[in-house]
N, C-alpha and C. Protein backbone atom coordinates (compact mmCIF):
# COMPACT_ATOMS: atom_id res chain seq x y z
N MET A 1 56.95 -75.09 -147.07
CA MET A 1 57.57 -74.28 -146.03
C MET A 1 58.90 -73.81 -146.57
N ALA A 2 59.16 -72.54 -146.52
CA ALA A 2 60.38 -71.97 -147.06
C ALA A 2 61.26 -71.39 -145.96
N TYR A 3 61.61 -72.23 -144.99
CA TYR A 3 62.48 -71.81 -143.92
C TYR A 3 63.71 -72.72 -143.93
N GLU A 4 64.87 -72.15 -143.76
CA GLU A 4 66.12 -72.89 -143.62
C GLU A 4 66.80 -72.37 -142.35
N SER A 5 67.39 -73.28 -141.59
CA SER A 5 68.05 -72.83 -140.36
C SER A 5 69.33 -73.68 -140.14
N ARG A 6 70.23 -73.04 -139.45
CA ARG A 6 71.39 -73.74 -138.94
C ARG A 6 71.86 -73.08 -137.68
N ALA A 7 72.52 -73.84 -136.84
CA ALA A 7 73.03 -73.31 -135.60
C ALA A 7 74.45 -73.83 -135.40
N TYR A 8 75.28 -72.99 -134.79
CA TYR A 8 76.67 -73.38 -134.50
C TYR A 8 77.22 -72.45 -133.47
N ASP A 9 78.35 -72.79 -132.89
CA ASP A 9 79.09 -71.91 -132.00
C ASP A 9 80.19 -71.23 -132.81
N ASN A 10 80.33 -69.91 -132.63
CA ASN A 10 81.39 -69.21 -133.37
C ASN A 10 82.74 -69.49 -132.69
N GLU A 11 83.81 -68.83 -133.20
CA GLU A 11 85.14 -69.09 -132.70
C GLU A 11 85.34 -68.72 -131.21
N ARG A 12 84.46 -67.88 -130.66
CA ARG A 12 84.53 -67.54 -129.22
C ARG A 12 83.61 -68.41 -128.38
N GLY A 13 82.94 -69.39 -129.02
CA GLY A 13 82.06 -70.28 -128.30
C GLY A 13 80.65 -69.74 -128.08
N GLU A 14 80.33 -68.61 -128.75
CA GLU A 14 79.01 -68.02 -128.62
C GLU A 14 78.05 -68.66 -129.64
N PRO A 15 76.81 -68.89 -129.21
CA PRO A 15 75.87 -69.52 -130.14
C PRO A 15 75.44 -68.57 -131.27
N VAL A 16 75.29 -69.18 -132.44
CA VAL A 16 74.84 -68.44 -133.61
C VAL A 16 73.70 -69.24 -134.25
N VAL A 17 72.60 -68.57 -134.57
CA VAL A 17 71.50 -69.19 -135.32
C VAL A 17 71.27 -68.37 -136.57
N VAL A 18 71.21 -69.07 -137.70
CA VAL A 18 70.94 -68.42 -138.98
C VAL A 18 69.60 -68.95 -139.47
N LEU A 19 68.67 -68.06 -139.73
CA LEU A 19 67.34 -68.41 -140.22
C LEU A 19 67.11 -67.67 -141.52
N VAL A 20 66.83 -68.42 -142.57
CA VAL A 20 66.54 -67.84 -143.89
C VAL A 20 65.09 -68.18 -144.22
N THR A 21 64.33 -67.16 -144.53
CA THR A 21 62.92 -67.34 -144.91
C THR A 21 62.75 -66.82 -146.32
N THR A 22 62.10 -67.63 -147.17
CA THR A 22 61.95 -67.25 -148.57
C THR A 22 60.48 -67.26 -148.91
N GLY A 23 60.06 -66.28 -149.70
CA GLY A 23 58.70 -66.22 -150.19
C GLY A 23 57.85 -65.19 -149.48
N THR A 24 57.01 -64.53 -150.21
CA THR A 24 56.18 -63.45 -149.67
C THR A 24 55.34 -63.92 -148.48
N HIS A 25 54.71 -65.07 -148.63
CA HIS A 25 53.81 -65.58 -147.60
C HIS A 25 54.57 -65.87 -146.30
N ASP A 26 55.67 -66.61 -146.41
CA ASP A 26 56.43 -66.99 -145.21
C ASP A 26 57.12 -65.79 -144.56
N VAL A 27 57.65 -64.89 -145.36
CA VAL A 27 58.29 -63.68 -144.83
C VAL A 27 57.25 -62.84 -144.08
N SER A 28 56.06 -62.67 -144.64
CA SER A 28 55.04 -61.86 -143.96
C SER A 28 54.63 -62.49 -142.62
N ARG A 29 54.51 -63.83 -142.61
CA ARG A 29 54.14 -64.50 -141.35
C ARG A 29 55.26 -64.40 -140.32
N LEU A 30 56.52 -64.47 -140.78
CA LEU A 30 57.61 -64.33 -139.85
C LEU A 30 57.67 -62.92 -139.24
N ILE A 31 57.46 -61.91 -140.07
CA ILE A 31 57.41 -60.52 -139.59
C ILE A 31 56.29 -60.37 -138.57
N ASN A 32 55.14 -60.96 -138.89
CA ASN A 32 53.99 -60.91 -137.95
C ASN A 32 54.37 -61.56 -136.63
N LEU A 33 55.06 -62.71 -136.66
CA LEU A 33 55.48 -63.39 -135.45
C LEU A 33 56.41 -62.49 -134.62
N PHE A 34 57.39 -61.86 -135.27
CA PHE A 34 58.33 -61.01 -134.56
C PHE A 34 57.67 -59.74 -134.02
N ALA A 35 56.51 -59.39 -134.58
CA ALA A 35 55.78 -58.22 -134.12
C ALA A 35 54.82 -58.61 -132.96
N GLY A 36 54.89 -59.85 -132.51
CA GLY A 36 54.06 -60.27 -131.40
C GLY A 36 52.81 -61.01 -131.83
N GLY A 37 52.71 -61.38 -133.11
CA GLY A 37 51.55 -62.06 -133.64
C GLY A 37 51.53 -63.54 -133.27
N VAL A 38 50.54 -64.22 -133.81
CA VAL A 38 50.34 -65.65 -133.55
C VAL A 38 51.32 -66.46 -134.39
N ASN A 39 51.90 -67.50 -133.76
CA ASN A 39 52.74 -68.39 -134.56
C ASN A 39 51.88 -69.40 -135.26
N VAL A 40 52.37 -69.91 -136.38
CA VAL A 40 51.65 -70.92 -137.15
C VAL A 40 52.38 -72.25 -137.04
N VAL A 41 51.73 -73.31 -137.45
CA VAL A 41 52.27 -74.66 -137.31
C VAL A 41 53.66 -74.76 -137.94
N GLU A 42 53.85 -74.21 -139.13
CA GLU A 42 55.15 -74.28 -139.77
C GLU A 42 56.24 -73.65 -138.92
N GLN A 43 55.92 -72.52 -138.27
CA GLN A 43 56.90 -71.83 -137.43
C GLN A 43 57.19 -72.66 -136.20
N MET A 44 56.19 -73.36 -135.69
CA MET A 44 56.43 -74.23 -134.53
C MET A 44 57.40 -75.35 -134.91
N GLU A 45 57.27 -75.89 -136.13
CA GLU A 45 58.17 -76.91 -136.64
C GLU A 45 59.59 -76.38 -136.79
N VAL A 46 59.70 -75.15 -137.33
CA VAL A 46 61.02 -74.51 -137.46
C VAL A 46 61.62 -74.27 -136.09
N GLY A 47 60.79 -73.83 -135.14
CA GLY A 47 61.30 -73.63 -133.74
C GLY A 47 61.84 -74.91 -133.15
N ALA A 48 61.14 -76.01 -133.34
CA ALA A 48 61.61 -77.32 -132.85
C ALA A 48 62.92 -77.70 -133.53
N GLN A 49 63.01 -77.45 -134.82
CA GLN A 49 64.25 -77.76 -135.56
C GLN A 49 65.42 -76.94 -135.04
N VAL A 50 65.19 -75.62 -134.83
CA VAL A 50 66.26 -74.76 -134.33
C VAL A 50 66.67 -75.21 -132.92
N ARG A 51 65.73 -75.56 -132.09
CA ARG A 51 66.08 -76.03 -130.72
C ARG A 51 66.94 -77.27 -130.80
N ARG A 52 66.61 -78.21 -131.71
CA ARG A 52 67.43 -79.41 -131.86
C ARG A 52 68.82 -79.05 -132.32
N GLN A 53 68.92 -78.11 -133.28
CA GLN A 53 70.23 -77.71 -133.77
C GLN A 53 71.04 -76.98 -132.71
N VAL A 54 70.40 -76.14 -131.92
CA VAL A 54 71.09 -75.38 -130.87
C VAL A 54 71.62 -76.35 -129.80
N LYS A 55 70.84 -77.36 -129.47
CA LYS A 55 71.22 -78.29 -128.38
C LYS A 55 72.50 -79.06 -128.72
N ARG A 56 72.90 -79.11 -129.96
CA ARG A 56 74.08 -79.85 -130.40
C ARG A 56 75.38 -79.13 -130.06
N HIS A 57 75.29 -77.89 -129.59
CA HIS A 57 76.49 -77.08 -129.39
C HIS A 57 76.51 -76.51 -127.95
N ASN A 58 77.72 -76.44 -127.38
CA ASN A 58 77.86 -75.96 -125.99
C ASN A 58 77.27 -74.58 -125.80
N GLY A 59 77.56 -73.62 -126.67
CA GLY A 59 77.03 -72.28 -126.54
C GLY A 59 75.50 -72.26 -126.63
N GLY A 60 74.95 -73.08 -127.50
CA GLY A 60 73.52 -73.17 -127.65
C GLY A 60 72.86 -73.74 -126.40
N ARG A 61 73.49 -74.75 -125.82
CA ARG A 61 72.91 -75.32 -124.55
C ARG A 61 72.99 -74.28 -123.44
N ASP A 62 74.07 -73.49 -123.43
CA ASP A 62 74.18 -72.41 -122.43
C ASP A 62 73.03 -71.40 -122.62
N ALA A 63 72.71 -71.08 -123.87
CA ALA A 63 71.63 -70.11 -124.16
C ALA A 63 70.29 -70.68 -123.68
N LEU A 64 70.03 -71.98 -123.87
CA LEU A 64 68.78 -72.57 -123.44
C LEU A 64 68.69 -72.59 -121.91
N ARG A 65 69.80 -72.85 -121.24
CA ARG A 65 69.81 -72.79 -119.79
C ARG A 65 69.53 -71.37 -119.27
N LEU A 66 70.12 -70.38 -119.93
CA LEU A 66 69.88 -68.99 -119.53
C LEU A 66 68.40 -68.63 -119.70
N LEU A 67 67.80 -69.07 -120.80
CA LEU A 67 66.38 -68.81 -121.03
C LEU A 67 65.58 -69.40 -119.87
N ARG A 68 65.85 -70.63 -119.48
CA ARG A 68 65.12 -71.28 -118.38
C ARG A 68 65.34 -70.54 -117.08
N GLN A 69 66.59 -70.13 -116.80
CA GLN A 69 66.91 -69.44 -115.56
C GLN A 69 66.23 -68.08 -115.45
N HIS A 70 65.90 -67.46 -116.56
CA HIS A 70 65.24 -66.18 -116.54
C HIS A 70 63.74 -66.27 -116.69
N GLY A 71 63.22 -67.47 -116.39
CA GLY A 71 61.77 -67.63 -116.37
C GLY A 71 61.14 -68.05 -117.68
N GLY A 72 61.92 -68.30 -118.69
CA GLY A 72 61.38 -68.75 -119.95
C GLY A 72 61.12 -70.24 -119.96
N PRO A 73 60.64 -70.76 -121.09
CA PRO A 73 60.38 -72.20 -121.16
C PRO A 73 61.63 -73.00 -121.04
N ASP A 74 61.52 -74.23 -120.55
CA ASP A 74 62.67 -75.12 -120.38
C ASP A 74 62.79 -75.98 -121.61
N PHE A 75 63.75 -75.66 -122.46
CA PHE A 75 64.03 -76.46 -123.65
C PHE A 75 65.30 -77.28 -123.51
N THR A 76 65.76 -77.41 -122.28
CA THR A 76 67.01 -78.12 -122.07
C THR A 76 66.84 -79.63 -122.11
N GLY A 77 65.64 -80.13 -121.91
CA GLY A 77 65.37 -81.56 -121.98
C GLY A 77 64.87 -81.97 -123.33
N ALA A 78 64.10 -83.04 -123.36
CA ALA A 78 63.52 -83.51 -124.60
C ALA A 78 62.49 -82.49 -125.11
N ASP A 79 62.34 -82.39 -126.41
CA ASP A 79 61.39 -81.46 -126.99
C ASP A 79 59.96 -81.84 -126.56
N ALA A 80 59.26 -80.90 -126.03
CA ALA A 80 57.87 -81.14 -125.60
C ALA A 80 56.96 -81.07 -126.83
N GLN A 81 55.95 -81.88 -126.83
CA GLN A 81 54.96 -81.88 -127.92
C GLN A 81 53.79 -80.98 -127.51
N PRO A 82 53.20 -80.29 -128.46
CA PRO A 82 52.01 -79.52 -128.10
C PRO A 82 50.90 -80.44 -127.63
N PRO A 83 50.02 -79.92 -126.81
CA PRO A 83 48.91 -80.77 -126.31
C PRO A 83 48.10 -81.36 -127.45
N ALA A 84 47.60 -82.58 -127.26
CA ALA A 84 46.79 -83.25 -128.24
C ALA A 84 45.32 -82.79 -128.18
N GLU A 85 44.95 -82.20 -127.04
CA GLU A 85 43.58 -81.72 -126.92
C GLU A 85 43.58 -80.42 -126.17
N TRP A 86 42.47 -79.71 -126.30
CA TRP A 86 42.31 -78.44 -125.58
C TRP A 86 40.94 -78.52 -124.91
N ILE A 87 40.86 -78.09 -123.68
CA ILE A 87 39.59 -78.09 -122.92
C ILE A 87 39.17 -76.62 -122.77
N ASP A 88 37.97 -76.35 -123.24
CA ASP A 88 37.41 -75.01 -123.14
C ASP A 88 37.17 -74.70 -121.65
N PRO A 89 37.87 -73.71 -121.07
CA PRO A 89 37.72 -73.44 -119.67
C PRO A 89 36.28 -72.95 -119.30
N ALA A 90 35.57 -72.38 -120.26
CA ALA A 90 34.24 -71.88 -120.00
C ALA A 90 33.20 -73.00 -119.92
N THR A 91 33.34 -74.03 -120.78
CA THR A 91 32.32 -75.07 -120.86
C THR A 91 32.79 -76.46 -120.45
N GLY A 92 34.13 -76.65 -120.42
CA GLY A 92 34.65 -77.98 -120.17
C GLY A 92 34.65 -78.89 -121.39
N ASP A 93 34.21 -78.39 -122.55
CA ASP A 93 34.20 -79.20 -123.77
C ASP A 93 35.63 -79.48 -124.19
N ARG A 94 35.82 -80.72 -124.66
CA ARG A 94 37.15 -81.15 -125.10
C ARG A 94 37.22 -81.12 -126.63
N TYR A 95 38.38 -80.64 -127.10
CA TYR A 95 38.61 -80.56 -128.54
C TYR A 95 39.87 -81.34 -128.88
N ASP A 96 39.72 -82.40 -129.67
CA ASP A 96 40.87 -83.19 -130.16
C ASP A 96 41.49 -82.39 -131.30
N LEU A 97 42.72 -81.91 -131.10
CA LEU A 97 43.31 -80.97 -132.04
C LEU A 97 43.83 -81.61 -133.32
N ALA A 98 43.78 -82.93 -133.39
CA ALA A 98 44.15 -83.60 -134.65
C ALA A 98 42.97 -83.66 -135.59
N ARG A 99 41.78 -83.35 -135.10
CA ARG A 99 40.57 -83.45 -135.91
C ARG A 99 40.26 -82.10 -136.56
N GLU A 100 39.45 -82.18 -137.62
CA GLU A 100 38.88 -80.98 -138.23
C GLU A 100 37.49 -80.79 -137.65
N TYR A 101 37.06 -79.52 -137.58
CA TYR A 101 35.74 -79.21 -137.03
C TYR A 101 34.92 -78.39 -138.01
N VAL A 102 33.64 -78.62 -138.02
CA VAL A 102 32.70 -77.91 -138.92
C VAL A 102 31.84 -77.00 -138.06
N ASP A 103 31.72 -75.76 -138.51
CA ASP A 103 30.88 -74.76 -137.76
C ASP A 103 29.44 -74.78 -138.26
N ARG A 104 28.64 -73.90 -137.71
CA ARG A 104 27.20 -73.85 -138.07
C ARG A 104 26.95 -73.46 -139.53
N ASP A 105 27.93 -72.83 -140.17
CA ASP A 105 27.81 -72.46 -141.57
C ASP A 105 28.47 -73.47 -142.53
N ASP A 106 28.81 -74.64 -142.00
CA ASP A 106 29.46 -75.70 -142.76
C ASP A 106 30.87 -75.39 -143.25
N ASP A 107 31.53 -74.46 -142.60
CA ASP A 107 32.96 -74.19 -142.89
C ASP A 107 33.77 -75.12 -142.03
N THR A 108 34.86 -75.61 -142.59
CA THR A 108 35.72 -76.59 -141.87
C THR A 108 36.96 -75.84 -141.31
N TRP A 109 37.23 -76.08 -140.02
CA TRP A 109 38.36 -75.44 -139.32
C TRP A 109 39.38 -76.50 -138.92
N LYS A 110 40.65 -76.11 -138.95
CA LYS A 110 41.74 -77.00 -138.55
C LYS A 110 42.77 -76.22 -137.76
N LEU A 111 43.44 -76.91 -136.83
CA LEU A 111 44.50 -76.28 -136.05
C LEU A 111 45.58 -75.70 -136.97
N SER A 112 45.96 -74.46 -136.72
CA SER A 112 46.99 -73.82 -137.57
C SER A 112 48.14 -73.25 -136.75
N GLY A 113 48.08 -73.34 -135.43
CA GLY A 113 49.15 -72.82 -134.60
C GLY A 113 48.74 -72.67 -133.16
N TRP A 114 49.56 -71.92 -132.41
CA TRP A 114 49.31 -71.72 -130.99
C TRP A 114 49.59 -70.28 -130.64
N LEU A 115 48.75 -69.78 -129.74
CA LEU A 115 48.98 -68.46 -129.16
C LEU A 115 49.55 -68.73 -127.77
N HIS A 116 50.73 -68.20 -127.51
CA HIS A 116 51.42 -68.45 -126.23
C HIS A 116 51.29 -67.20 -125.34
N TRP A 117 50.74 -67.37 -124.17
CA TRP A 117 50.59 -66.26 -123.24
C TRP A 117 51.78 -66.21 -122.31
N THR A 118 52.11 -65.04 -121.80
CA THR A 118 53.24 -64.89 -120.90
C THR A 118 53.07 -65.65 -119.60
N ASP A 119 51.84 -65.98 -119.21
CA ASP A 119 51.65 -66.75 -117.99
C ASP A 119 51.87 -68.25 -118.20
N GLY A 120 52.22 -68.63 -119.42
CA GLY A 120 52.62 -70.01 -119.69
C GLY A 120 51.55 -70.87 -120.35
N HIS A 121 50.29 -70.44 -120.40
CA HIS A 121 49.31 -71.29 -121.04
C HIS A 121 49.20 -70.98 -122.54
N GLN A 122 48.68 -71.95 -123.26
CA GLN A 122 48.62 -71.87 -124.72
C GLN A 122 47.15 -71.97 -125.15
N VAL A 123 46.83 -71.26 -126.22
CA VAL A 123 45.51 -71.32 -126.81
C VAL A 123 45.67 -71.70 -128.28
N PRO A 124 44.97 -72.73 -128.72
CA PRO A 124 45.11 -73.11 -130.14
C PRO A 124 44.44 -72.06 -131.04
N VAL A 125 45.01 -71.90 -132.21
CA VAL A 125 44.40 -71.05 -133.23
C VAL A 125 44.00 -71.94 -134.40
N MET A 126 42.89 -71.54 -135.04
CA MET A 126 42.34 -72.37 -136.11
C MET A 126 42.25 -71.54 -137.38
N SER A 127 42.22 -72.22 -138.54
CA SER A 127 42.05 -71.58 -139.81
C SER A 127 41.01 -72.37 -140.61
N VAL A 128 40.24 -71.64 -141.45
CA VAL A 128 39.26 -72.29 -142.32
C VAL A 128 40.01 -72.94 -143.49
N LEU A 129 39.61 -74.14 -143.85
CA LEU A 129 40.30 -74.86 -144.91
C LEU A 129 39.84 -74.42 -146.31
N GLU A 130 38.61 -73.91 -146.46
CA GLU A 130 38.09 -73.54 -147.76
C GLU A 130 38.85 -72.33 -148.28
N VAL A 131 39.28 -72.40 -149.54
CA VAL A 131 40.12 -71.35 -150.11
C VAL A 131 39.41 -70.02 -150.16
N GLU A 132 38.11 -69.99 -150.45
CA GLU A 132 37.40 -68.70 -150.58
C GLU A 132 37.33 -67.94 -149.26
N HIS A 133 37.50 -68.63 -148.14
CA HIS A 133 37.46 -67.95 -146.83
C HIS A 133 38.81 -67.84 -146.15
N SER A 134 39.86 -68.47 -146.71
CA SER A 134 41.09 -68.64 -145.95
C SER A 134 41.72 -67.32 -145.52
N GLY A 135 41.70 -66.28 -146.36
CA GLY A 135 42.30 -65.02 -145.97
C GLY A 135 41.59 -64.33 -144.82
N ASP A 136 40.30 -64.52 -144.75
CA ASP A 136 39.47 -63.86 -143.72
C ASP A 136 39.52 -64.60 -142.39
N TYR A 137 39.71 -65.89 -142.42
CA TYR A 137 39.61 -66.71 -141.23
C TYR A 137 40.86 -67.53 -141.02
N THR A 138 41.97 -66.88 -140.83
CA THR A 138 43.26 -67.53 -140.62
C THR A 138 43.75 -67.22 -139.22
N ASP A 139 44.18 -68.26 -138.50
CA ASP A 139 44.79 -68.09 -137.20
C ASP A 139 43.87 -67.37 -136.20
N VAL A 140 42.64 -67.84 -136.08
CA VAL A 140 41.65 -67.31 -135.15
C VAL A 140 41.71 -68.15 -133.88
N PRO A 141 41.88 -67.54 -132.73
CA PRO A 141 41.90 -68.34 -131.47
C PRO A 141 40.65 -69.21 -131.35
N LEU A 142 40.85 -70.45 -130.94
CA LEU A 142 39.73 -71.40 -130.86
C LEU A 142 38.56 -70.86 -130.02
N PRO A 143 38.79 -70.23 -128.88
CA PRO A 143 37.64 -69.69 -128.13
C PRO A 143 36.81 -68.70 -128.96
N ASP A 144 37.48 -67.90 -129.81
CA ASP A 144 36.76 -66.95 -130.65
C ASP A 144 35.97 -67.71 -131.74
N VAL A 145 36.56 -68.78 -132.28
CA VAL A 145 35.85 -69.56 -133.29
C VAL A 145 34.59 -70.15 -132.67
N ILE A 146 34.70 -70.70 -131.47
CA ILE A 146 33.55 -71.31 -130.80
C ILE A 146 32.45 -70.26 -130.54
N GLU A 147 32.89 -69.09 -130.02
CA GLU A 147 31.92 -68.07 -129.67
C GLU A 147 31.23 -67.46 -130.90
N THR A 148 32.00 -67.26 -131.96
CA THR A 148 31.47 -66.57 -133.14
C THR A 148 30.80 -67.50 -134.13
N PHE A 149 31.36 -68.71 -134.32
CA PHE A 149 30.88 -69.59 -135.37
C PHE A 149 30.31 -70.91 -134.85
N GLY A 150 30.35 -71.12 -133.53
CA GLY A 150 29.92 -72.39 -132.97
C GLY A 150 28.45 -72.61 -133.02
N PRO A 151 28.02 -73.78 -132.64
CA PRO A 151 28.81 -74.85 -132.08
C PRO A 151 29.66 -75.54 -133.17
N LEU A 152 30.74 -76.17 -132.73
CA LEU A 152 31.62 -76.91 -133.63
C LEU A 152 31.35 -78.38 -133.47
N THR A 153 31.37 -79.11 -134.57
CA THR A 153 31.19 -80.57 -134.58
C THR A 153 32.37 -81.17 -135.30
N ALA A 154 32.95 -82.22 -134.77
CA ALA A 154 34.05 -82.92 -135.42
C ALA A 154 33.60 -83.39 -136.80
N ALA A 155 34.40 -83.06 -137.83
CA ALA A 155 34.02 -83.37 -139.21
C ALA A 155 33.80 -84.85 -139.42
N ASP A 156 34.64 -85.70 -138.78
CA ASP A 156 34.50 -87.13 -138.99
C ASP A 156 33.22 -87.67 -138.35
N GLU A 157 32.69 -86.99 -137.33
CA GLU A 157 31.41 -87.41 -136.75
C GLU A 157 30.26 -87.11 -137.70
N LEU A 158 30.37 -86.02 -138.46
CA LEU A 158 29.35 -85.69 -139.45
C LEU A 158 29.33 -86.71 -140.57
N VAL A 159 30.54 -87.12 -141.01
CA VAL A 159 30.65 -88.12 -142.08
C VAL A 159 30.02 -89.43 -141.61
N GLU A 160 30.36 -89.85 -140.36
CA GLU A 160 29.81 -91.10 -139.83
C GLU A 160 28.27 -91.04 -139.77
N ALA A 161 27.73 -89.91 -139.40
CA ALA A 161 26.27 -89.76 -139.30
C ALA A 161 25.63 -89.89 -140.67
N VAL A 162 26.26 -89.36 -141.71
CA VAL A 162 25.70 -89.43 -143.07
C VAL A 162 25.80 -90.85 -143.61
N GLU A 163 26.89 -91.57 -143.29
CA GLU A 163 27.11 -92.92 -143.79
C GLU A 163 26.22 -93.97 -143.14
N ARG A 164 25.72 -93.69 -141.94
CA ARG A 164 24.86 -94.69 -141.28
C ARG A 164 23.51 -94.78 -142.00
N PRO A 165 22.97 -96.01 -142.12
CA PRO A 165 21.66 -96.19 -142.81
C PRO A 165 20.53 -95.64 -141.95
């Protein structure tokens, strides 16, 4: 990950955040994020880091309160962790997001970020782990993965089935 950040209050008490992104891959993903694209796990980690840095300063805490007052997420308390599982609203199937999943073509998918909707709900996005497919299948919303490549089976369940006599 090639992100560096720092936060401070300037001489007038206004919050300042400095974010430096290095490398073609990370810069392109950051530009995509600012254009309204899907965030990736690394960016979520940077976001959590920036929130922790901002909370250390009066101006930063004021900015977080303003965000909350204007209907944005509440980052004034402890950092919230992303959900550990996602339930498909169409089927009720549960997906443990710490696990890897294998599709009907034997490609392995793993959580790579979150798509945040303005109504407040989040949808996980997945990426294929195999290098030969990674450019084509990066940051695909989990419902689309299920519909297009499903059914999905937890990879560790497939290993257990093979290991049993």
